[in-house]
């Protein structure tokens, strides 16, 4: 199971089998964040939200963009690992 190095709590998680990257929706302090991160738990390219609903929308957009890009390339290998909300 993926664990983030910054201590944030993962609420939703998508693993892309092609890039070996993760998209996560996490609760971090009083904010909700979507990040890209490696399997080592290091996060980058974060988008921060006060609203869980806005964060969920951004998470789904990021996953959809990732899947769409690789589908166009003919290498769609992404798969959902955890979707607990």
N, C-alpha and C. Protein backbone atom coordinates (compact mmCIF):
# COMPACT_ATOMS: atom_id res chain seq x y z
N UNK A 1 0.85 -1.18 0.00
CA UNK A 1 0.00 0.00 0.00
C UNK A 1 0.89 1.25 0.00
N UNK A 2 0.54 2.21 -0.81
CA UNK A 2 1.30 3.45 -0.90
C UNK A 2 1.15 4.27 0.38
N UNK A 3 2.27 4.78 0.88
CA UNK A 3 2.27 5.66 2.04
C UNK A 3 3.02 6.92 1.65
N UNK A 4 2.43 8.07 1.94
CA UNK A 4 3.05 9.34 1.58
C UNK A 4 4.06 9.76 2.64
N UNK A 5 5.21 10.23 2.19
CA UNK A 5 6.28 10.64 3.10
C UNK A 5 5.94 11.88 3.93
N UNK A 6 4.97 12.66 3.47
CA UNK A 6 4.63 13.90 4.17
C UNK A 6 3.56 13.71 5.25
N UNK A 7 3.10 12.49 5.46
CA UNK A 7 2.13 12.20 6.51
C UNK A 7 0.68 12.44 6.14
N UNK A 8 0.41 12.89 4.92
CA UNK A 8 -0.97 13.12 4.48
C UNK A 8 -1.73 11.79 4.42
N UNK A 9 -3.04 11.86 4.59
CA UNK A 9 -3.90 10.68 4.54
C UNK A 9 -4.48 10.53 3.14
N UNK A 10 -4.21 9.40 2.49
CA UNK A 10 -4.72 9.14 1.15
C UNK A 10 -6.21 8.81 1.22
N UNK A 11 -7.00 9.52 0.43
CA UNK A 11 -8.44 9.27 0.34
C UNK A 11 -8.79 8.52 -0.94
N UNK A 12 -8.11 8.85 -2.03
CA UNK A 12 -8.31 8.17 -3.32
C UNK A 12 -6.93 8.01 -3.96
N UNK A 13 -6.79 6.94 -4.74
CA UNK A 13 -5.49 6.59 -5.29
C UNK A 13 -5.66 5.95 -6.65
N UNK A 14 -4.86 6.40 -7.62
CA UNK A 14 -4.84 5.80 -8.95
C UNK A 14 -3.39 5.49 -9.29
N UNK A 15 -3.12 4.26 -9.70
CA UNK A 15 -1.78 3.85 -10.10
C UNK A 15 -1.75 3.64 -11.60
N UNK A 16 -0.80 4.28 -12.27
CA UNK A 16 -0.63 4.11 -13.71
C UNK A 16 0.49 3.10 -13.94
N UNK A 17 0.14 1.95 -14.46
CA UNK A 17 1.09 0.88 -14.67
C UNK A 17 2.14 1.18 -15.74
N UNK A 18 1.87 2.11 -16.62
CA UNK A 18 2.83 2.45 -17.68
C UNK A 18 3.92 3.38 -17.15
N UNK A 19 3.53 4.46 -16.49
CA UNK A 19 4.51 5.43 -15.99
C UNK A 19 5.03 5.06 -14.61
N UNK A 20 4.34 4.13 -13.94
CA UNK A 20 4.68 3.75 -12.56
C UNK A 20 4.50 4.93 -11.60
N UNK A 21 3.60 5.85 -11.95
CA UNK A 21 3.29 7.00 -11.10
C UNK A 21 1.91 6.84 -10.50
N UNK A 22 1.67 7.59 -9.45
CA UNK A 22 0.40 7.59 -8.75
C UNK A 22 -0.22 8.98 -8.80
N UNK A 23 -1.54 9.02 -8.86
CA UNK A 23 -2.29 10.24 -8.61
C UNK A 23 -3.02 9.98 -7.30
N UNK A 24 -2.90 10.89 -6.36
CA UNK A 24 -3.58 10.71 -5.08
C UNK A 24 -4.42 11.94 -4.75
N UNK A 25 -5.49 11.67 -4.06
CA UNK A 25 -6.28 12.71 -3.39
C UNK A 25 -6.05 12.46 -1.91
N UNK A 26 -5.55 13.47 -1.23
CA UNK A 26 -5.21 13.29 0.18
C UNK A 26 -5.73 14.44 1.03
N UNK A 27 -5.88 14.14 2.31
CA UNK A 27 -6.19 15.17 3.29
C UNK A 27 -4.87 15.53 3.97
N UNK A 28 -4.56 16.81 3.95
CA UNK A 28 -3.29 17.28 4.49
C UNK A 28 -3.57 18.50 5.35
N UNK A 29 -3.55 18.33 6.65
CA UNK A 29 -3.96 19.41 7.55
C UNK A 29 -5.42 19.73 7.33
N UNK A 30 -5.72 20.99 7.07
CA UNK A 30 -7.11 21.40 6.83
C UNK A 30 -7.43 21.49 5.34
N UNK A 31 -6.53 20.99 4.50
CA UNK A 31 -6.72 21.08 3.05
C UNK A 31 -6.87 19.70 2.43
N UNK A 32 -7.42 19.70 1.23
CA UNK A 32 -7.46 18.52 0.39
C UNK A 32 -6.53 18.79 -0.79
N UNK A 33 -5.76 17.78 -1.16
CA UNK A 33 -4.73 17.97 -2.17
C UNK A 33 -4.75 16.82 -3.15
N UNK A 34 -4.52 17.15 -4.43
CA UNK A 34 -4.23 16.10 -5.41
C UNK A 34 -2.76 16.26 -5.77
N UNK A 35 -2.05 15.15 -5.76
CA UNK A 35 -0.63 15.13 -6.08
C UNK A 35 -0.34 14.02 -7.09
N UNK A 36 0.74 14.18 -7.81
CA UNK A 36 1.39 13.07 -8.48
C UNK A 36 2.47 12.61 -7.52
N UNK A 37 2.74 11.32 -7.48
CA UNK A 37 3.81 10.84 -6.62
C UNK A 37 4.34 9.52 -7.13
N UNK A 38 5.58 9.26 -6.77
CA UNK A 38 6.22 8.00 -7.12
C UNK A 38 5.89 6.93 -6.10
N UNK A 39 6.32 5.71 -6.37
CA UNK A 39 6.06 4.61 -5.44
C UNK A 39 6.85 4.74 -4.14
N UNK A 40 7.80 5.70 -4.12
CA UNK A 40 8.57 5.96 -2.91
C UNK A 40 7.85 6.90 -1.95
N UNK A 41 6.66 7.39 -2.34
CA UNK A 41 5.86 8.25 -1.47
C UNK A 41 6.19 9.73 -1.57
N UNK A 42 7.13 10.08 -2.44
CA UNK A 42 7.47 11.49 -2.67
C UNK A 42 6.42 12.12 -3.59
N UNK A 43 5.86 13.26 -3.18
CA UNK A 43 4.79 13.91 -3.93
C UNK A 43 5.28 15.17 -4.62
N UNK A 44 4.64 15.49 -5.73
CA UNK A 44 4.98 16.69 -6.50
C UNK A 44 3.76 17.12 -7.31
N UNK A 45 3.82 18.32 -7.87
CA UNK A 45 2.74 18.89 -8.68
C UNK A 45 1.40 18.83 -7.96
N UNK A 46 1.33 19.46 -6.81
CA UNK A 46 0.12 19.45 -6.01
C UNK A 46 -0.86 20.54 -6.39
N UNK A 47 -2.14 20.21 -6.28
CA UNK A 47 -3.24 21.16 -6.41
C UNK A 47 -4.00 21.12 -5.09
N UNK A 48 -4.19 22.29 -4.48
CA UNK A 48 -4.73 22.39 -3.12
C UNK A 48 -6.14 22.97 -3.12
N UNK A 49 -7.00 22.41 -2.24
CA UNK A 49 -8.41 22.78 -2.21
C UNK A 49 -8.92 22.85 -0.77
N UNK A 50 -9.90 23.72 -0.55
CA UNK A 50 -10.59 23.79 0.73
C UNK A 50 -11.78 22.83 0.75
N UNK A 51 -12.27 22.47 -0.42
CA UNK A 51 -13.47 21.64 -0.56
C UNK A 51 -13.10 20.24 -1.05
N UNK A 52 -13.63 19.23 -0.37
CA UNK A 52 -13.42 17.85 -0.80
C UNK A 52 -14.01 17.62 -2.19
N UNK A 53 -15.18 18.19 -2.44
CA UNK A 53 -15.81 18.01 -3.76
C UNK A 53 -14.95 18.58 -4.88
N UNK A 54 -14.37 19.76 -4.67
CA UNK A 54 -13.48 20.34 -5.69
C UNK A 54 -12.25 19.47 -5.88
N UNK A 55 -11.72 18.93 -4.80
CA UNK A 55 -10.55 18.07 -4.88
C UNK A 55 -10.88 16.77 -5.63
N UNK A 56 -12.06 16.20 -5.37
CA UNK A 56 -12.48 14.98 -6.09
C UNK A 56 -12.58 15.25 -7.59
N UNK A 57 -13.15 16.39 -7.94
CA UNK A 57 -13.28 16.75 -9.35
C UNK A 57 -11.91 16.86 -9.99
N UNK A 58 -10.97 17.50 -9.30
CA UNK A 58 -9.61 17.63 -9.83
C UNK A 58 -8.92 16.28 -9.94
N UNK A 59 -9.11 15.41 -8.95
CA UNK A 59 -8.53 14.07 -8.98
C UNK A 59 -9.02 13.31 -10.22
N UNK A 60 -10.33 13.33 -10.44
CA UNK A 60 -10.90 12.61 -11.59
C UNK A 60 -10.39 13.20 -12.90
N UNK A 61 -10.22 14.51 -12.96
CA UNK A 61 -9.69 15.15 -14.16
C UNK A 61 -8.25 14.72 -14.41
N UNK A 62 -7.45 14.68 -13.37
CA UNK A 62 -6.04 14.29 -13.51
C UNK A 62 -5.94 12.84 -13.97
N UNK A 63 -6.74 11.96 -13.40
CA UNK A 63 -6.74 10.55 -13.80
C UNK A 63 -7.20 10.42 -15.24
N UNK A 64 -8.27 11.11 -15.58
CA UNK A 64 -8.80 11.06 -16.94
C UNK A 64 -7.78 11.57 -17.96
N UNK A 65 -7.08 12.66 -17.63
CA UNK A 65 -6.06 13.19 -18.53
C UNK A 65 -4.93 12.19 -18.72
N UNK A 66 -4.53 11.53 -17.66
CA UNK A 66 -3.46 10.54 -17.74
C UNK A 66 -3.90 9.36 -18.61
N UNK A 67 -5.09 8.85 -18.35
CA UNK A 67 -5.60 7.73 -19.13
C UNK A 67 -5.78 8.12 -20.59
N UNK A 68 -6.31 9.30 -20.85
CA UNK A 68 -6.54 9.77 -22.21
C UNK A 68 -5.24 9.88 -22.98
N UNK A 69 -4.20 10.42 -22.35
CA UNK A 69 -2.91 10.57 -23.01
C UNK A 69 -2.36 9.22 -23.43
N UNK A 70 -2.36 8.25 -22.53
CA UNK A 70 -1.79 6.94 -22.88
C UNK A 70 -2.69 6.16 -23.81
N UNK A 71 -3.98 6.39 -23.75
CA UNK A 71 -4.89 5.74 -24.70
C UNK A 71 -4.58 6.22 -26.12
N UNK A 72 -4.35 7.53 -26.27
CA UNK A 72 -4.00 8.08 -27.58
C UNK A 72 -2.67 7.53 -28.06
N UNK A 73 -1.77 7.22 -27.14
CA UNK A 73 -0.47 6.67 -27.50
C UNK A 73 -0.55 5.16 -27.75
N UNK A 74 -1.72 4.57 -27.47
CA UNK A 74 -1.89 3.13 -27.66
C UNK A 74 -1.29 2.30 -26.54
N UNK A 75 -1.06 2.91 -25.37
CA UNK A 75 -0.43 2.19 -24.26
C UNK A 75 -1.20 2.39 -22.97
N UNK A 76 -2.50 2.29 -23.01
CA UNK A 76 -3.32 2.53 -21.82
C UNK A 76 -3.17 1.37 -20.85
N UNK A 77 -2.34 1.57 -19.81
CA UNK A 77 -2.10 0.53 -18.82
C UNK A 77 -2.54 0.93 -17.42
N UNK A 78 -3.09 2.13 -17.26
CA UNK A 78 -3.48 2.59 -15.92
C UNK A 78 -4.57 1.72 -15.34
N UNK A 79 -4.55 1.55 -14.03
CA UNK A 79 -5.62 0.81 -13.37
C UNK A 79 -5.88 1.40 -12.01
N UNK A 80 -7.10 1.37 -11.60
CA UNK A 80 -7.49 1.90 -10.30
C UNK A 80 -7.08 0.91 -9.22
N UNK A 81 -6.37 1.40 -8.22
CA UNK A 81 -5.94 0.55 -7.12
C UNK A 81 -6.85 0.72 -5.92
N UNK A 82 -7.19 1.96 -5.61
CA UNK A 82 -8.04 2.21 -4.44
C UNK A 82 -8.93 3.40 -4.70
N UNK A 83 -10.17 3.26 -4.41
CA UNK A 83 -11.12 4.37 -4.53
C UNK A 83 -12.06 4.23 -3.34
N UNK A 84 -11.70 4.82 -2.23
CA UNK A 84 -12.42 4.56 -0.99
C UNK A 84 -13.49 5.58 -0.65
N UNK A 85 -13.67 6.60 -1.50
CA UNK A 85 -14.70 7.60 -1.18
C UNK A 85 -16.00 7.30 -1.88
